[in-house]
PDB file of N, CA and C in Angstrom:
ATOM      1  N   UNK A   1      98.860 -15.950  44.053  1.00  0.00           N
ATOM      2  CA  UNK A   1      98.846 -16.923  45.128  1.00  0.00           C
ATOM      3  C   UNK A   1      98.463 -16.273  46.457  1.00  0.00           C
ATOM      4  N   UNK A   2      98.988 -15.085  46.713  1.00  0.00           N
ATOM      5  CA  UNK A   2      98.681 -14.386  47.962  1.00  0.00           C
ATOM      6  C   UNK A   2      97.199 -14.027  48.031  1.00  0.00           C
ATOM      7  N   UNK A   3      96.629 -13.631  46.912  1.00  0.00           N
ATOM      8  CA  UNK A   3      95.202 -13.291  46.885  1.00  0.00           C
ATOM      9  C   UNK A   3      94.352 -14.520  47.170  1.00  0.00           C
ATOM     10  N   UNK A   4      94.768 -15.647  46.612  1.00  0.00           N
ATOM     11  CA  UNK A   4      94.047 -16.893  46.855  1.00  0.00           C
ATOM     12  C   UNK A   4      94.102 -17.273  48.330  1.00  0.00           C
ATOM     13  N   UNK A   5      95.275 -17.139  48.945  1.00  0.00           N
ATOM     14  CA  UNK A   5      95.418 -17.440  50.374  1.00  0.00           C
ATOM     15  C   UNK A   5      94.528 -16.515  51.202  1.00  0.00           C
ATOM     16  N   UNK A   6      94.461 -15.238  50.834  1.00  0.00           N
ATOM     17  CA  UNK A   6      93.624 -14.274  51.536  1.00  0.00           C
ATOM     18  C   UNK A   6      92.146 -14.675  51.448  1.00  0.00           C
ATOM     19  N   UNK A   7      91.739 -15.109  50.270  1.00  0.00           N
ATOM     20  CA  UNK A   7      90.353 -15.556  50.091  1.00  0.00           C
ATOM     21  C   UNK A   7      90.055 -16.776  50.955  1.00  0.00           C
ATOM     22  N   UNK A   8      90.958 -17.745  50.959  1.00  0.00           N
ATOM     23  CA  UNK A   8      90.755 -18.945  51.775  1.00  0.00           C
ATOM     24  C   UNK A   8      90.748 -18.617  53.266  1.00  0.00           C
ATOM     25  N   UNK A   9      91.589 -17.676  53.694  1.00  0.00           N
ATOM     26  CA  UNK A   9      91.614 -17.282  55.100  1.00  0.00           C
ATOM     27  C   UNK A   9      90.303 -16.636  55.523  1.00  0.00           C
ATOM     28  N   UNK A  10      89.655 -15.952  54.602  1.00  0.00           N
ATOM     29  CA  UNK A  10      88.359 -15.343  54.921  1.00  0.00           C
ATOM     30  C   UNK A  10      87.249 -16.385  54.929  1.00  0.00           C
ATOM     31  N   UNK A  11      87.337 -17.368  54.038  1.00  0.00           N
ATOM     32  CA  UNK A  11      86.312 -18.405  53.968  1.00  0.00           C
ATOM     33  C   UNK A  11      86.487 -19.411  55.106  1.00  0.00           C
ATOM     34  N   UNK A  12      87.680 -19.906  55.264  1.00  0.00           N
ATOM     35  CA  UNK A  12      88.017 -20.869  56.312  1.00  0.00           C
ATOM     36  C   UNK A  12      89.120 -20.268  57.168  1.00  0.00           C
ATOM     37  N   UNK A  13      88.721 -19.546  58.195  1.00  0.00           N
ATOM     38  CA  UNK A  13      89.736 -18.878  59.005  1.00  0.00           C
ATOM     39  C   UNK A  13      90.613 -19.916  59.708  1.00  0.00           C
ATOM     40  N   UNK A  14      91.886 -19.600  59.866  1.00  0.00           N
ATOM     41  CA  UNK A  14      92.791 -20.541  60.526  1.00  0.00           C
ATOM     42  C   UNK A  14      92.394 -20.735  61.983  1.00  0.00           C
ATOM     43  N   UNK A  15      92.652 -21.919  62.501  1.00  0.00           N
ATOM     44  CA  UNK A  15      92.331 -22.217  63.895  1.00  0.00           C
ATOM     45  C   UNK A  15      93.137 -21.314  64.816  1.00  0.00           C
ATOM     46  N   UNK A  16      92.470 -20.829  65.836  1.00  0.00           N
ATOM     47  CA  UNK A  16      93.157 -19.977  66.795  1.00  0.00           C
ATOM     48  C   UNK A  16      93.491 -20.732  68.062  1.00  0.00           C
ATOM     49  N   UNK A  17      92.965 -21.907  68.199  1.00  0.00           N
ATOM     50  CA  UNK A  17      93.268 -22.700  69.374  1.00  0.00           C
ATOM     51  C   UNK A  17      94.003 -23.959  68.963  1.00  0.00           C
ATOM     52  N   UNK A  18      94.416 -24.710  69.939  1.00  0.00           N
ATOM     53  CA  UNK A  18      95.137 -25.952  69.656  1.00  0.00           C
ATOM     54  C   UNK A  18      94.593 -27.041  70.568  1.00  0.00           C
ATOM     55  N   UNK A  19      94.703 -28.273  70.147  1.00  0.00           N
ATOM     56  CA  UNK A  19      94.282 -29.357  71.035  1.00  0.00           C
ATOM     57  C   UNK A  19      95.208 -29.394  72.251  1.00  0.00           C
ATOM     58  N   UNK A  20      94.642 -29.657  73.397  1.00  0.00           N
ATOM     59  CA  UNK A  20      95.456 -29.792  74.609  1.00  0.00           C
ATOM     60  C   UNK A  20      95.410 -31.237  75.057  1.00  0.00           C
ATOM     61  N   UNK A  21      96.529 -31.701  75.564  1.00  0.00           N
ATOM     62  CA  UNK A  21      96.615 -33.086  75.991  1.00  0.00           C
ATOM     63  C   UNK A  21      97.263 -33.155  77.366  1.00  0.00           C
ATOM     64  N   UNK A  22      96.495 -33.604  78.342  1.00  0.00           N
ATOM     65  CA  UNK A  22      97.005 -33.824  79.683  1.00  0.00           C
ATOM     66  C   UNK A  22      96.054 -34.778  80.378  1.00  0.00           C
ATOM     67  N   UNK A  23      96.518 -35.399  81.426  1.00  0.00           N
ATOM     68  CA  UNK A  23      95.732 -36.432  82.111  1.00  0.00           C
ATOM     69  C   UNK A  23      94.613 -35.804  82.940  1.00  0.00           C
ATOM     70  N   UNK A  24      93.415 -36.351  82.786  1.00  0.00           N
ATOM     71  CA  UNK A  24      92.264 -35.937  83.588  1.00  0.00           C
ATOM     72  C   UNK A  24      91.585 -37.168  84.164  1.00  0.00           C
ATOM     73  N   UNK A  25      91.223 -37.116  85.442  1.00  0.00           N
ATOM     74  CA  UNK A  25      90.452 -38.231  85.987  1.00  0.00           C
ATOM     75  C   UNK A  25      89.047 -38.239  85.390  1.00  0.00           C
ATOM     76  N   UNK A  26      88.451 -39.396  85.320  1.00  0.00           N
ATOM     77  CA  UNK A  26      87.094 -39.513  84.787  1.00  0.00           C
ATOM     78  C   UNK A  26      86.099 -38.894  85.760  1.00  0.00           C
ATOM     79  N   UNK A  27      85.005 -38.408  85.212  1.00  0.00           N
ATOM     80  CA  UNK A  27      83.932 -37.841  86.036  1.00  0.00           C
ATOM     81  C   UNK A  27      82.693 -38.695  85.828  1.00  0.00           C
ATOM     82  N   UNK A  28      82.262 -39.372  86.885  1.00  0.00           N
ATOM     83  CA  UNK A  28      81.019 -40.134  86.776  1.00  0.00           C
ATOM     84  C   UNK A  28      79.968 -39.607  87.738  1.00  0.00           C
ATOM     85  N   UNK A  29      80.348 -38.642  88.574  1.00  0.00           N
ATOM     86  CA  UNK A  29      79.390 -37.998  89.472  1.00  0.00           C
ATOM     87  C   UNK A  29      79.879 -36.575  89.721  1.00  0.00           C
ATOM     88  N   UNK A  30      78.972 -35.692  90.103  1.00  0.00           N
ATOM     89  CA  UNK A  30      79.389 -34.318  90.373  1.00  0.00           C
ATOM     90  C   UNK A  30      80.462 -34.212  91.458  1.00  0.00           C
ATOM     91  N   UNK A  31      80.471 -35.132  92.408  1.00  0.00           N
ATOM     92  CA  UNK A  31      81.473 -35.100  93.476  1.00  0.00           C
ATOM     93  C   UNK A  31      82.891 -35.278  92.932  1.00  0.00           C
ATOM     94  N   UNK A  32      83.032 -36.011  91.843  1.00  0.00           N
ATOM     95  CA  UNK A  32      84.352 -36.276  91.270  1.00  0.00           C
ATOM     96  C   UNK A  32      84.885 -35.094  90.448  1.00  0.00           C
ATOM     97  N   UNK A  33      84.055 -34.099  90.227  1.00  0.00           N
ATOM     98  CA  UNK A  33      84.477 -32.947  89.432  1.00  0.00           C
ATOM     99  C   UNK A  33      85.600 -32.174  90.114  1.00  0.00           C
ATOM    100  N   UNK A  34      85.619 -32.171  91.448  1.00  0.00           N
ATOM    101  CA  UNK A  34      86.664 -31.438  92.170  1.00  0.00           C
ATOM    102  C   UNK A  34      88.049 -31.985  91.827  1.00  0.00           C
ATOM    103  N   UNK A  35      88.177 -33.301  91.750  1.00  0.00           N
ATOM    104  CA  UNK A  35      89.467 -33.905  91.402  1.00  0.00           C
ATOM    105  C   UNK A  35      89.859 -33.546  89.964  1.00  0.00           C
ATOM    106  N   UNK A  36      88.884 -33.477  89.101  1.00  0.00           N
ATOM    107  CA  UNK A  36      89.164 -33.140  87.710  1.00  0.00           C
ATOM    108  C   UNK A  36      89.584 -31.685  87.579  1.00  0.00           C
ATOM    109  N   UNK A  37      88.887 -30.795  88.265  1.00  0.00           N
ATOM    110  CA  UNK A  37      89.270 -29.377  88.246  1.00  0.00           C
ATOM    111  C   UNK A  37      90.659 -29.209  88.849  1.00  0.00           C
ATOM    112  N   UNK A  38      90.958 -29.993  89.879  1.00  0.00           N
ATOM    113  CA  UNK A  38      92.282 -29.947  90.494  1.00  0.00           C
ATOM    114  C   UNK A  38      93.361 -30.339  89.480  1.00  0.00           C
ATOM    115  N   UNK A  39      93.074 -31.325  88.655  1.00  0.00           N
ATOM    116  CA  UNK A  39      94.026 -31.745  87.621  1.00  0.00           C
ATOM    117  C   UNK A  39      94.238 -30.637  86.591  1.00  0.00           C
ATOM    118  N   UNK A  40      93.182 -29.911  86.254  1.00  0.00           N
ATOM    119  CA  UNK A  40      93.301 -28.796  85.320  1.00  0.00           C
ATOM    120  C   UNK A  40      94.171 -27.702  85.932  1.00  0.00           C
ATOM    121  N   UNK A  41      93.932 -27.379  87.202  1.00  0.00           N
ATOM    122  CA  UNK A  41      94.745 -26.365  87.875  1.00  0.00           C
ATOM    123  C   UNK A  41      96.210 -26.786  87.948  1.00  0.00           C
ATOM    124  N   UNK A  42      96.451 -28.059  88.198  1.00  0.00           N
ATOM    125  CA  UNK A  42      97.831 -28.553  88.243  1.00  0.00           C
ATOM    126  C   UNK A  42      98.494 -28.430  86.876  1.00  0.00           C
ATOM    127  N   UNK A  43      97.749 -28.708  85.812  1.00  0.00           N
ATOM    128  CA  UNK A  43      98.300 -28.584  84.459  1.00  0.00           C
ATOM    129  C   UNK A  43      98.628 -27.129  84.133  1.00  0.00           C
ATOM    130  N   UNK A  44      97.775 -26.206  84.585  1.00  0.00           N
ATOM    131  CA  UNK A  44      98.057 -24.782  84.379  1.00  0.00           C
ATOM    132  C   UNK A  44      99.292 -24.386  85.174  1.00  0.00           C
ATOM    133  N   UNK A  45      99.349 -24.824  86.439  1.00  0.00           N
ATOM    134  CA  UNK A  45     100.487 -24.470  87.294  1.00  0.00           C
ATOM    135  C   UNK A  45     101.801 -25.031  86.760  1.00  0.00           C
ATOM    136  N   UNK A  46     101.736 -26.208  86.140  1.00  0.00           N
ATOM    137  CA  UNK A  46     102.945 -26.832  85.603  1.00  0.00           C
ATOM    138  C   UNK A  46     103.328 -26.273  84.235  1.00  0.00           C
ATOM    139  N   UNK A  47     102.478 -25.425  83.665  1.00  0.00           N
ATOM    140  CA  UNK A  47     102.773 -24.854  82.358  1.00  0.00           C
ATOM    141  C   UNK A  47     102.436 -25.775  81.202  1.00  0.00           C
ATOM    142  N   UNK A  48     101.711 -26.866  81.476  1.00  0.00           N
ATOM    143  CA  UNK A  48     101.312 -27.784  80.399  1.00  0.00           C
ATOM    144  C   UNK A  48     100.271 -27.144  79.498  1.00  0.00           C
ATOM    145  N   UNK A  49      99.394 -26.336  80.090  1.00  0.00           N
ATOM    146  CA  UNK A  49      98.378 -25.604  79.335  1.00  0.00           C
ATOM    147  C   UNK A  49      98.360 -24.168  79.855  1.00  0.00           C
ATOM    148  N   UNK A  50      97.848 -23.261  79.041  1.00  0.00           N
ATOM    149  CA  UNK A  50      97.783 -21.855  79.444  1.00  0.00           C
ATOM    150  C   UNK A  50      96.571 -21.648  80.356  1.00  0.00           C
ATOM    151  N   UNK A  51      96.554 -20.556  81.093  1.00  0.00           N
ATOM    152  CA  UNK A  51      95.374 -20.257  81.916  1.00  0.00           C
ATOM    153  C   UNK A  51      94.096 -20.151  81.083  1.00  0.00           C
ATOM    154  N   UNK A  52      94.189 -19.603  79.884  1.00  0.00           N
ATOM    155  CA  UNK A  52      93.007 -19.502  79.017  1.00  0.00           C
ATOM    156  C   UNK A  52      92.519 -20.892  78.612  1.00  0.00           C
ATOM    157  N   UNK A  53      93.448 -21.785  78.301  1.00  0.00           N
ATOM    158  CA  UNK A  53      93.057 -23.158  77.954  1.00  0.00           C
ATOM    159  C   UNK A  53      92.450 -23.850  79.167  1.00  0.00           C
ATOM    160  N   UNK A  54      93.046 -23.624  80.345  1.00  0.00           N
ATOM    161  CA  UNK A  54      92.493 -24.204  81.565  1.00  0.00           C
ATOM    162  C   UNK A  54      91.085 -23.716  81.828  1.00  0.00           C
ATOM    163  N   UNK A  55      90.851 -22.436  81.568  1.00  0.00           N
ATOM    164  CA  UNK A  55      89.518 -21.873  81.742  1.00  0.00           C
ATOM    165  C   UNK A  55      88.508 -22.524  80.799  1.00  0.00           C
ATOM    166  N   UNK A  56      88.914 -22.715  79.548  1.00  0.00           N
ATOM    167  CA  UNK A  56      88.017 -23.358  78.578  1.00  0.00           C
ATOM    168  C   UNK A  56      87.726 -24.808  78.960  1.00  0.00           C
ATOM    169  N   UNK A  57      88.741 -25.527  79.409  1.00  0.00           N
ATOM    170  CA  UNK A  57      88.526 -26.908  79.854  1.00  0.00           C
ATOM    171  C   UNK A  57      87.614 -26.916  81.074  1.00  0.00           C
ATOM    172  N   UNK A  58      87.801 -25.952  81.969  1.00  0.00           N
ATOM    173  CA  UNK A  58      86.932 -25.842  83.140  1.00  0.00           C
ATOM    174  C   UNK A  58      85.476 -25.634  82.754  1.00  0.00           C
ATOM    175  N   UNK A  59      85.239 -24.836  81.718  1.00  0.00           N
ATOM    176  CA  UNK A  59      83.872 -24.626  81.231  1.00  0.00           C
ATOM    177  C   UNK A  59      83.277 -25.935  80.701  1.00  0.00           C
ATOM    178  N   UNK A  60      84.103 -26.714  80.009  1.00  0.00           N
ATOM    179  CA  UNK A  60      83.631 -28.006  79.502  1.00  0.00           C
ATOM    180  C   UNK A  60      83.279 -28.940  80.650  1.00  0.00           C
ATOM    181  N   UNK A  61      84.115 -28.940  81.675  1.00  0.00           N
ATOM    182  CA  UNK A  61      83.856 -29.782  82.847  1.00  0.00           C
ATOM    183  C   UNK A  61      82.561 -29.345  83.521  1.00  0.00           C
ATOM    184  N   UNK A  62      82.371 -28.036  83.660  1.00  0.00           N
ATOM    185  CA  UNK A  62      81.152 -27.513  84.277  1.00  0.00           C
ATOM    186  C   UNK A  62      79.916 -27.938  83.490  1.00  0.00           C
ATOM    187  N   UNK A  63      79.987 -27.841  82.182  1.00  0.00           N
ATOM    188  CA  UNK A  63      78.861 -28.252  81.337  1.00  0.00           C
ATOM    189  C   UNK A  63      78.585 -29.744  81.488  1.00  0.00           C
ATOM    190  N   UNK A  64      79.636 -30.543  81.543  1.00  0.00           N
ATOM    191  CA  UNK A  64      79.491 -31.987  81.697  1.00  0.00           C
ATOM    192  C   UNK A  64      78.846 -32.319  83.044  1.00  0.00           C
ATOM    193  N   UNK A  65      79.289 -31.654  84.110  1.00  0.00           N
ATOM    194  CA  UNK A  65      78.727 -31.900  85.442  1.00  0.00           C
ATOM    195  C   UNK A  65      77.250 -31.516  85.466  1.00  0.00           C
ATOM    196  N   UNK A  66      76.901 -30.402  84.842  1.00  0.00           N
ATOM    197  CA  UNK A  66      75.489 -30.004  84.782  1.00  0.00           C
ATOM    198  C   UNK A  66      74.652 -31.040  84.039  1.00  0.00           C
ATOM    199  N   UNK A  67      75.220 -31.626  82.997  1.00  0.00           N
ATOM    200  CA  UNK A  67      74.503 -32.670  82.260  1.00  0.00           C
ATOM    201  C   UNK A  67      74.288 -33.907  83.143  1.00  0.00           C
ATOM    202  N   UNK A  68      75.310 -34.276  83.924  1.00  0.00           N
ATOM    203  CA  UNK A  68      75.172 -35.406  84.847  1.00  0.00           C
ATOM    204  C   UNK A  68      74.099 -35.105  85.886  1.00  0.00           C
ATOM    205  N   UNK A  69      74.145 -33.900  86.463  1.00  0.00           N
ATOM    206  CA  UNK A  69      73.154 -33.518  87.471  1.00  0.00           C
ATOM    207  C   UNK A  69      71.743 -33.529  86.900  1.00  0.00           C
ATOM    208  N   UNK A  70      71.590 -33.049  85.682  1.00  0.00           N
ATOM    209  CA  UNK A  70      70.276 -33.037  85.043  1.00  0.00           C
ATOM    210  C   UNK A  70      69.772 -34.447  84.807  1.00  0.00           C
ATOM    211  N   UNK A  71      70.646 -35.324  84.335  1.00  0.00           N
ATOM    212  CA  UNK A  71      70.245 -36.718  84.103  1.00  0.00           C
ATOM    213  C   UNK A  71      69.855 -37.390  85.411  1.00  0.00           C
ATOM    214  N   UNK A  72      70.613 -37.136  86.479  1.00  0.00           N
ATOM    215  CA  UNK A  72      70.279 -37.720  87.778  1.00  0.00           C
ATOM    216  C   UNK A  72      68.955 -37.178  88.301  1.00  0.00           C
ATOM    217  N   UNK A  73      68.706 -35.903  88.096  1.00  0.00           N
ATOM    218  CA  UNK A  73      67.459 -35.292  88.544  1.00  0.00           C
ATOM    219  C   UNK A  73      66.268 -35.873  87.787  1.00  0.00           C
ATOM    220  N   UNK A  74      66.413 -36.045  86.495  1.00  0.00           N
ATOM    221  CA  UNK A  74      65.337 -36.639  85.687  1.00  0.00           C
ATOM    222  C   UNK A  74      65.061 -38.063  86.162  1.00  0.00           C
ATOM    223  N   UNK A  75      66.111 -38.809  86.422  1.00  0.00           N
ATOM    224  CA  UNK A  75      65.953 -40.185  86.894  1.00  0.00           C
ATOM    225  C   UNK A  75      65.215 -40.217  88.238  1.00  0.00           C
ATOM    226  N   UNK A  76      65.591 -39.343  89.164  1.00  0.00           N
ATOM    227  CA  UNK A  76      64.932 -39.283  90.472  1.00  0.00           C
ATOM    228  C   UNK A  76      63.469 -38.893  90.324  1.00  0.00           C
ATOM    229  N   UNK A  77      63.197 -37.924  89.464  1.00  0.00           N
ATOM    230  CA  UNK A  77      61.825 -37.474  89.237  1.00  0.00           C
ATOM    231  C   UNK A  77      60.976 -38.595  88.651  1.00  0.00           C
ATOM    232  N   UNK A  78      61.526 -39.329  87.688  1.00  0.00           N
ATOM    233  CA  UNK A  78      60.788 -40.448  87.098  1.00  0.00           C
ATOM    234  C   UNK A  78      60.507 -41.526  88.142  1.00  0.00           C
ATOM    235  N   UNK A  79      61.489 -41.785  89.014  1.00  0.00           N
ATOM    236  CA  UNK A  79      61.294 -42.767  90.079  1.00  0.00           C
ATOM    237  C   UNK A  79      60.179 -42.325  91.024  1.00  0.00           C
ATOM    238  N   UNK A  80      60.155 -41.055  91.394  1.00  0.00           N
ATOM    239  CA  UNK A  80      59.100 -40.531  92.265  1.00  0.00           C
ATOM    240  C   UNK A  80      57.744 -40.609  91.599  1.00  0.00           C
ATOM    241  N   UNK A  81      57.700 -40.307  90.311  1.00  0.00           N
ATOM    242  CA  UNK A  81      56.427 -40.380  89.588  1.00  0.00           C
ATOM    243  C   UNK A  81      55.908 -41.804  89.530  1.00  0.00           C
ATOM    244  N   UNK A  82      56.815 -42.760  89.345  1.00  0.00           N
ATOM    245  CA  UNK A  82      56.400 -44.178  89.330  1.00  0.00           C
ATOM    246  C   UNK A  82      55.873 -44.592  90.700  1.00  0.00           C
ATOM    247  N   UNK A  83      56.492 -44.096  91.761  1.00  0.00           N
ATOM    248  CA  UNK A  83      56.069 -44.446  93.110  1.00  0.00           C
ATOM    249  C   UNK A  83      54.696 -43.873  93.441  1.00  0.00           C
ATOM    250  N   UNK A  84      54.389 -42.695  92.931  1.00  0.00           N
ATOM    251  CA  UNK A  84      53.110 -42.059  93.252  1.00  0.00           C
ATOM    252  C   UNK A  84      51.976 -42.557  92.379  1.00  0.00           C
ATOM    253  N   UNK A  85      52.256 -43.169  91.250  1.00  0.00           N
ATOM    254  CA  UNK A  85      51.185 -43.651  90.374  1.00  0.00           C
ATOM    255  C   UNK A  85      50.774 -45.078  90.704  1.00  0.00           C
ATOM    256  N   UNK A  86      51.500 -45.725  91.575  1.00  0.00           N
ATOM    257  CA  UNK A  86      51.162 -47.128  91.909  1.00  0.00           C
ATOM    258  C   UNK A  86      50.052 -47.203  92.906  1.00  0.00           C
TER     259      UNK A  86
END
């Protein structure tokens, strides 16, 4: 049985992280990211999540904000292109 468990641990390693659950404000623009990061810092300060978990959530927020900025930039560029082709 122990050998079988060892084999499974090598094939499907056990999760090293855990889901985190705490309240975050929605982000619909890059300006709102500050409030969301503030909520992450408050959760770390309150001990709801570890600093490492807060850092990982912060990376996710950063990636999300970059995606919003990219989408907004593409939209602005398309609008400018439409204006210049008329």
